[in-house]
Amino acid sequence: MTQQIIAFLVILYFLIKLIVQRKNKQVSGLEFLFWLFFWLLAGLTIVLLKEIDALVAYLGFSATGINALLYLSVAILFYLIFKLRLKLEKTEREITKIVRAIALKK
């Protein structure tokens, strides 16, 4: 129970920080909605942890629900890092093209 309270406090902190960043126009509307959904989903998983444990056991996994969520989140993080790396690579190529074009003009 103490861990759930701490997790809720952490989520509340990030939600407040997100709202402040939205008011200061540091995040776009779509980005705000994404992170709002993410943190609300995280809070929901804390509330439904016992049901997630039952679902994981029903699916035949030997791990607890929290472990399954941890594995899933690590996989999602690796995917997001991969997508970010691809986007960064594309941006670097575009910058190289622009610099090359500017250099050829001079």
N, C-alpha and C. Protein backbone atom coordinates (compact mmCIF):
# COMPACT_ATOMS: atom_id res chain seq x y z
N MET A 1 0.82 -1.20 0.00
CA MET A 1 0.00 0.00 0.00
C MET A 1 0.86 1.26 0.00
N THR A 2 1.95 1.23 0.74
CA THR A 2 2.86 2.39 0.79
C THR A 2 3.46 2.65 -0.58
N GLN A 3 3.79 1.59 -1.30
CA GLN A 3 4.35 1.75 -2.63
C GLN A 3 3.34 2.39 -3.58
N GLN A 4 2.08 2.04 -3.44
CA GLN A 4 1.05 2.62 -4.29
C GLN A 4 0.87 4.11 -3.99
N ILE A 5 0.94 4.48 -2.72
CA ILE A 5 0.82 5.89 -2.35
C ILE A 5 2.00 6.68 -2.92
N ILE A 6 3.20 6.13 -2.79
CA ILE A 6 4.39 6.80 -3.33
C ILE A 6 4.27 6.93 -4.85
N ALA A 7 3.80 5.87 -5.51
CA ALA A 7 3.63 5.92 -6.97
C ALA A 7 2.60 6.98 -7.35
N PHE A 8 1.50 7.05 -6.61
CA PHE A 8 0.50 8.08 -6.90
C PHE A 8 1.06 9.48 -6.70
N LEU A 9 1.88 9.68 -5.68
CA LEU A 9 2.50 10.98 -5.45
C LEU A 9 3.44 11.36 -6.59
N VAL A 10 4.19 10.39 -7.07
CA VAL A 10 5.09 10.64 -8.20
C VAL A 10 4.28 11.01 -9.44
N ILE A 11 3.22 10.27 -9.70
CA ILE A 11 2.37 10.56 -10.85
C ILE A 11 1.72 11.93 -10.70
N LEU A 12 1.27 12.27 -9.52
CA LEU A 12 0.68 13.58 -9.27
C LEU A 12 1.69 14.69 -9.52
N TYR A 13 2.93 14.47 -9.08
CA TYR A 13 3.99 15.46 -9.33
C TYR A 13 4.18 15.68 -10.83
N PHE A 14 4.25 14.60 -11.59
CA PHE A 14 4.46 14.74 -13.03
C PHE A 14 3.23 15.35 -13.72
N LEU A 15 2.04 15.06 -13.24
CA LEU A 15 0.85 15.68 -13.81
C LEU A 15 0.84 17.18 -13.56
N ILE A 16 1.20 17.59 -12.35
CA ILE A 16 1.26 19.02 -12.04
C ILE A 16 2.33 19.70 -12.90
N LYS A 17 3.49 19.05 -13.01
CA LYS A 17 4.56 19.60 -13.84
C LYS A 17 4.12 19.71 -15.30
N LEU A 18 3.38 18.73 -15.78
CA LEU A 18 2.87 18.74 -17.15
C LEU A 18 1.90 19.90 -17.36
N ILE A 19 1.01 20.11 -16.41
CA ILE A 19 0.04 21.20 -16.52
C ILE A 19 0.74 22.55 -16.52
N VAL A 20 1.75 22.70 -15.67
CA VAL A 20 2.52 23.96 -15.63
C VAL A 20 3.24 24.18 -16.95
N GLN A 21 3.82 23.13 -17.52
CA GLN A 21 4.51 23.26 -18.80
C GLN A 21 3.52 23.62 -19.91
N ARG A 22 2.31 23.11 -19.84
CA ARG A 22 1.29 23.45 -20.84
C ARG A 22 0.89 24.92 -20.72
N LYS A 23 0.74 25.40 -19.48
CA LYS A 23 0.39 26.81 -19.28
C LYS A 23 1.50 27.73 -19.77
N ASN A 24 2.75 27.31 -19.62
CA ASN A 24 3.90 28.09 -20.08
C ASN A 24 4.20 27.86 -21.55
N LYS A 25 3.34 27.08 -22.22
CA LYS A 25 3.48 26.78 -23.65
C LYS A 25 4.81 26.11 -23.99
N GLN A 26 5.27 25.24 -23.08
CA GLN A 26 6.50 24.48 -23.32
C GLN A 26 6.20 23.15 -24.01
N VAL A 27 4.94 22.72 -23.99
CA VAL A 27 4.53 21.51 -24.69
C VAL A 27 3.34 21.83 -25.57
N SER A 28 3.25 21.16 -26.70
CA SER A 28 2.13 21.38 -27.62
C SER A 28 0.89 20.67 -27.11
N GLY A 29 -0.22 20.95 -27.73
CA GLY A 29 -1.48 20.34 -27.33
C GLY A 29 -1.49 18.83 -27.48
N LEU A 30 -0.96 18.36 -28.60
CA LEU A 30 -0.92 16.91 -28.84
C LEU A 30 0.04 16.22 -27.87
N GLU A 31 1.17 16.85 -27.63
CA GLU A 31 2.13 16.28 -26.69
C GLU A 31 1.54 16.26 -25.28
N PHE A 32 0.81 17.32 -24.92
CA PHE A 32 0.15 17.38 -23.62
C PHE A 32 -0.84 16.24 -23.47
N LEU A 33 -1.64 16.02 -24.49
CA LEU A 33 -2.63 14.93 -24.43
C LEU A 33 -1.97 13.57 -24.33
N PHE A 34 -0.87 13.39 -25.05
CA PHE A 34 -0.15 12.11 -24.98
C PHE A 34 0.34 11.85 -23.57
N TRP A 35 1.00 12.84 -22.97
CA TRP A 35 1.55 12.64 -21.63
C TRP A 35 0.47 12.57 -20.57
N LEU A 36 -0.61 13.30 -20.75
CA LEU A 36 -1.73 13.22 -19.83
C LEU A 36 -2.31 11.81 -19.85
N PHE A 37 -2.53 11.28 -21.05
CA PHE A 37 -3.02 9.91 -21.19
C PHE A 37 -2.04 8.92 -20.56
N PHE A 38 -0.75 9.11 -20.80
CA PHE A 38 0.27 8.22 -20.26
C PHE A 38 0.22 8.17 -18.74
N TRP A 39 0.20 9.34 -18.09
CA TRP A 39 0.22 9.38 -16.63
C TRP A 39 -1.10 8.89 -16.04
N LEU A 40 -2.21 9.16 -16.70
CA LEU A 40 -3.49 8.63 -16.22
C LEU A 40 -3.53 7.11 -16.36
N LEU A 41 -2.97 6.59 -17.43
CA LEU A 41 -2.89 5.15 -17.62
C LEU A 41 -1.98 4.52 -16.57
N ALA A 42 -0.89 5.21 -16.24
CA ALA A 42 0.00 4.71 -15.18
C ALA A 42 -0.73 4.65 -13.85
N GLY A 43 -1.53 5.67 -13.55
CA GLY A 43 -2.32 5.66 -12.32
C GLY A 43 -3.34 4.54 -12.32
N LEU A 44 -3.95 4.30 -13.47
CA LEU A 44 -4.93 3.23 -13.59
C LEU A 44 -4.29 1.86 -13.37
N THR A 45 -3.09 1.67 -13.87
CA THR A 45 -2.41 0.38 -13.66
C THR A 45 -2.11 0.15 -12.19
N ILE A 46 -1.85 1.22 -11.44
CA ILE A 46 -1.61 1.06 -10.01
C ILE A 46 -2.89 0.61 -9.32
N VAL A 47 -4.01 1.19 -9.72
CA VAL A 47 -5.29 0.84 -9.12
C VAL A 47 -5.66 -0.61 -9.47
N LEU A 48 -5.39 -1.01 -10.69
CA LEU A 48 -5.80 -2.33 -11.18
C LEU A 48 -4.69 -3.37 -11.10
N LEU A 49 -3.75 -3.20 -10.22
CA LEU A 49 -2.59 -4.11 -10.17
C LEU A 49 -2.99 -5.55 -9.86
N LYS A 50 -3.94 -5.77 -8.98
CA LYS A 50 -4.37 -7.13 -8.67
C LYS A 50 -5.04 -7.79 -9.87
N GLU A 51 -5.83 -7.01 -10.61
CA GLU A 51 -6.46 -7.55 -11.80
C GLU A 51 -5.43 -7.87 -12.87
N ILE A 52 -4.39 -7.05 -12.95
CA ILE A 52 -3.31 -7.31 -13.91
C ILE A 52 -2.57 -8.59 -13.51
N ASP A 53 -2.35 -8.78 -12.20
CA ASP A 53 -1.73 -10.03 -11.73
C ASP A 53 -2.56 -11.24 -12.15
N ALA A 54 -3.88 -11.14 -11.99
CA ALA A 54 -4.77 -12.25 -12.38
C ALA A 54 -4.72 -12.49 -13.88
N LEU A 55 -4.69 -11.41 -14.67
CA LEU A 55 -4.62 -11.55 -16.12
C LEU A 55 -3.32 -12.21 -16.55
N VAL A 56 -2.22 -11.78 -15.95
CA VAL A 56 -0.91 -12.36 -16.29
C VAL A 56 -0.87 -13.84 -15.93
N ALA A 57 -1.42 -14.20 -14.77
CA ALA A 57 -1.47 -15.61 -14.37
C ALA A 57 -2.37 -16.40 -15.32
N TYR A 58 -3.49 -15.82 -15.73
CA TYR A 58 -4.40 -16.49 -16.66
C TYR A 58 -3.73 -16.73 -18.01
N LEU A 59 -2.89 -15.79 -18.45
CA LEU A 59 -2.21 -15.94 -19.73
C LEU A 59 -1.05 -16.93 -19.65
N GLY A 60 -0.73 -17.40 -18.44
CA GLY A 60 0.27 -18.44 -18.29
C GLY A 60 1.68 -17.95 -18.00
N PHE A 61 1.84 -16.68 -17.72
CA PHE A 61 3.16 -16.18 -17.38
C PHE A 61 3.45 -16.45 -15.92
N SER A 62 4.71 -16.71 -15.62
CA SER A 62 5.07 -17.02 -14.24
C SER A 62 5.37 -15.76 -13.43
N ALA A 63 5.53 -14.64 -14.08
CA ALA A 63 5.86 -13.39 -13.39
C ALA A 63 4.59 -12.75 -12.82
N THR A 64 4.80 -11.81 -11.93
CA THR A 64 3.67 -11.05 -11.40
C THR A 64 3.29 -9.97 -12.41
N GLY A 65 2.18 -9.33 -12.16
CA GLY A 65 1.70 -8.28 -13.05
C GLY A 65 2.66 -7.13 -13.17
N ILE A 66 3.26 -6.75 -12.05
CA ILE A 66 4.18 -5.61 -12.08
C ILE A 66 5.42 -5.96 -12.90
N ASN A 67 5.88 -7.20 -12.82
CA ASN A 67 7.03 -7.61 -13.63
C ASN A 67 6.68 -7.60 -15.12
N ALA A 68 5.49 -8.08 -15.45
CA ALA A 68 5.05 -8.07 -16.85
C ALA A 68 4.96 -6.65 -17.36
N LEU A 69 4.43 -5.73 -16.54
CA LEU A 69 4.36 -4.33 -16.94
C LEU A 69 5.75 -3.73 -17.11
N LEU A 70 6.67 -4.13 -16.25
CA LEU A 70 8.05 -3.65 -16.36
C LEU A 70 8.68 -4.14 -17.67
N TYR A 71 8.49 -5.40 -18.00
CA TYR A 71 9.04 -5.94 -19.25
C TYR A 71 8.43 -5.22 -20.46
N LEU A 72 7.13 -5.01 -20.40
CA LEU A 72 6.45 -4.32 -21.49
C LEU A 72 6.95 -2.89 -21.64
N SER A 73 7.13 -2.20 -20.51
CA SER A 73 7.60 -0.82 -20.57
C SER A 73 9.02 -0.73 -21.10
N VAL A 74 9.88 -1.68 -20.76
CA VAL A 74 11.24 -1.67 -21.29
C VAL A 74 11.22 -1.89 -22.80
N ALA A 75 10.38 -2.79 -23.26
CA ALA A 75 10.26 -3.03 -24.70
C ALA A 75 9.76 -1.77 -25.41
N ILE A 76 8.78 -1.10 -24.83
CA ILE A 76 8.26 0.14 -25.43
C ILE A 76 9.34 1.22 -25.43
N LEU A 77 10.11 1.32 -24.36
CA LEU A 77 11.19 2.31 -24.31
C LEU A 77 12.24 2.05 -25.39
N PHE A 78 12.60 0.78 -25.59
CA PHE A 78 13.55 0.46 -26.65
C PHE A 78 12.99 0.85 -28.02
N TYR A 79 11.70 0.62 -28.24
CA TYR A 79 11.08 1.00 -29.50
C TYR A 79 11.11 2.51 -29.68
N LEU A 80 10.79 3.25 -28.62
CA LEU A 80 10.80 4.71 -28.71
C LEU A 80 12.20 5.25 -28.94
N ILE A 81 13.20 4.63 -28.32
CA ILE A 81 14.59 5.04 -28.55
C ILE A 81 14.96 4.79 -30.01
N PHE A 82 14.54 3.66 -30.54
CA PHE A 82 14.80 3.34 -31.94
C PHE A 82 14.18 4.39 -32.86
N LYS A 83 12.90 4.74 -32.61
CA LYS A 83 12.23 5.75 -33.43
C LYS A 83 12.92 7.11 -33.30
N LEU A 84 13.34 7.45 -32.11
CA LEU A 84 14.03 8.71 -31.88
C LEU A 84 15.37 8.75 -32.62
N ARG A 85 16.08 7.62 -32.61
CA ARG A 85 17.34 7.55 -33.33
C ARG A 85 17.14 7.73 -34.83
N LEU A 86 16.08 7.12 -35.37
CA LEU A 86 15.79 7.29 -36.79
C LEU A 86 15.47 8.75 -37.12
N LYS A 87 14.70 9.39 -36.27
CA LYS A 87 14.36 10.79 -36.49
C LYS A 87 15.60 11.68 -36.40
N LEU A 88 16.46 11.40 -35.46
CA LEU A 88 17.70 12.16 -35.30
C LEU A 88 18.60 11.99 -36.52
N GLU A 89 18.69 10.78 -37.02
CA GLU A 89 19.48 10.50 -38.22
C GLU A 89 18.95 11.28 -39.42
N LYS A 90 17.62 11.32 -39.57
CA LYS A 90 17.01 12.06 -40.67
C LYS A 90 17.31 13.55 -40.53
N THR A 91 17.21 14.07 -39.32
CA THR A 91 17.50 15.49 -39.08
C THR A 91 18.95 15.81 -39.40
N GLU A 92 19.86 14.94 -39.02
CA GLU A 92 21.28 15.15 -39.33
C GLU A 92 21.52 15.16 -40.84
N ARG A 93 20.85 14.27 -41.57
CA ARG A 93 21.00 14.26 -43.03
C ARG A 93 20.48 15.56 -43.65
N GLU A 94 19.35 16.05 -43.14
CA GLU A 94 18.79 17.30 -43.66
C GLU A 94 19.71 18.48 -43.35
N ILE A 95 20.28 18.51 -42.17
CA ILE A 95 21.21 19.59 -41.82
C ILE A 95 22.44 19.53 -42.71
N THR A 96 22.92 18.32 -42.99
CA THR A 96 24.08 18.17 -43.86
C THR A 96 23.78 18.69 -45.26
N LYS A 97 22.59 18.40 -45.79
CA LYS A 97 22.20 18.90 -47.10
C LYS A 97 22.15 20.42 -47.12
N ILE A 98 21.59 21.01 -46.07
CA ILE A 98 21.49 22.48 -46.01
C ILE A 98 22.86 23.13 -45.93
N VAL A 99 23.72 22.59 -45.08
CA VAL A 99 25.08 23.12 -44.93
C VAL A 99 25.85 22.98 -46.23
N ARG A 100 25.69 21.85 -46.89
CA ARG A 100 26.37 21.61 -48.17
C ARG A 100 25.90 22.62 -49.22
N ALA A 101 24.59 22.88 -49.27
CA ALA A 101 24.05 23.83 -50.24
C ALA A 101 24.56 25.24 -49.96
N ILE A 102 24.62 25.60 -48.68
CA ILE A 102 25.13 26.93 -48.31
C ILE A 102 26.61 27.06 -48.66
N ALA A 103 27.37 26.00 -48.42
CA ALA A 103 28.81 26.03 -48.70
C ALA A 103 29.06 26.13 -50.20
N LEU A 104 28.24 25.48 -51.01
CA LEU A 104 28.43 25.54 -52.46
C LEU A 104 28.07 26.90 -53.02
N LYS A 105 27.20 27.65 -52.36
CA LYS A 105 26.83 28.99 -52.81
C LYS A 105 27.94 30.00 -52.56
N LYS A 106 28.77 29.74 -51.57
CA LYS A 106 29.82 30.71 -51.22
C LYS A 106 31.07 30.49 -51.99
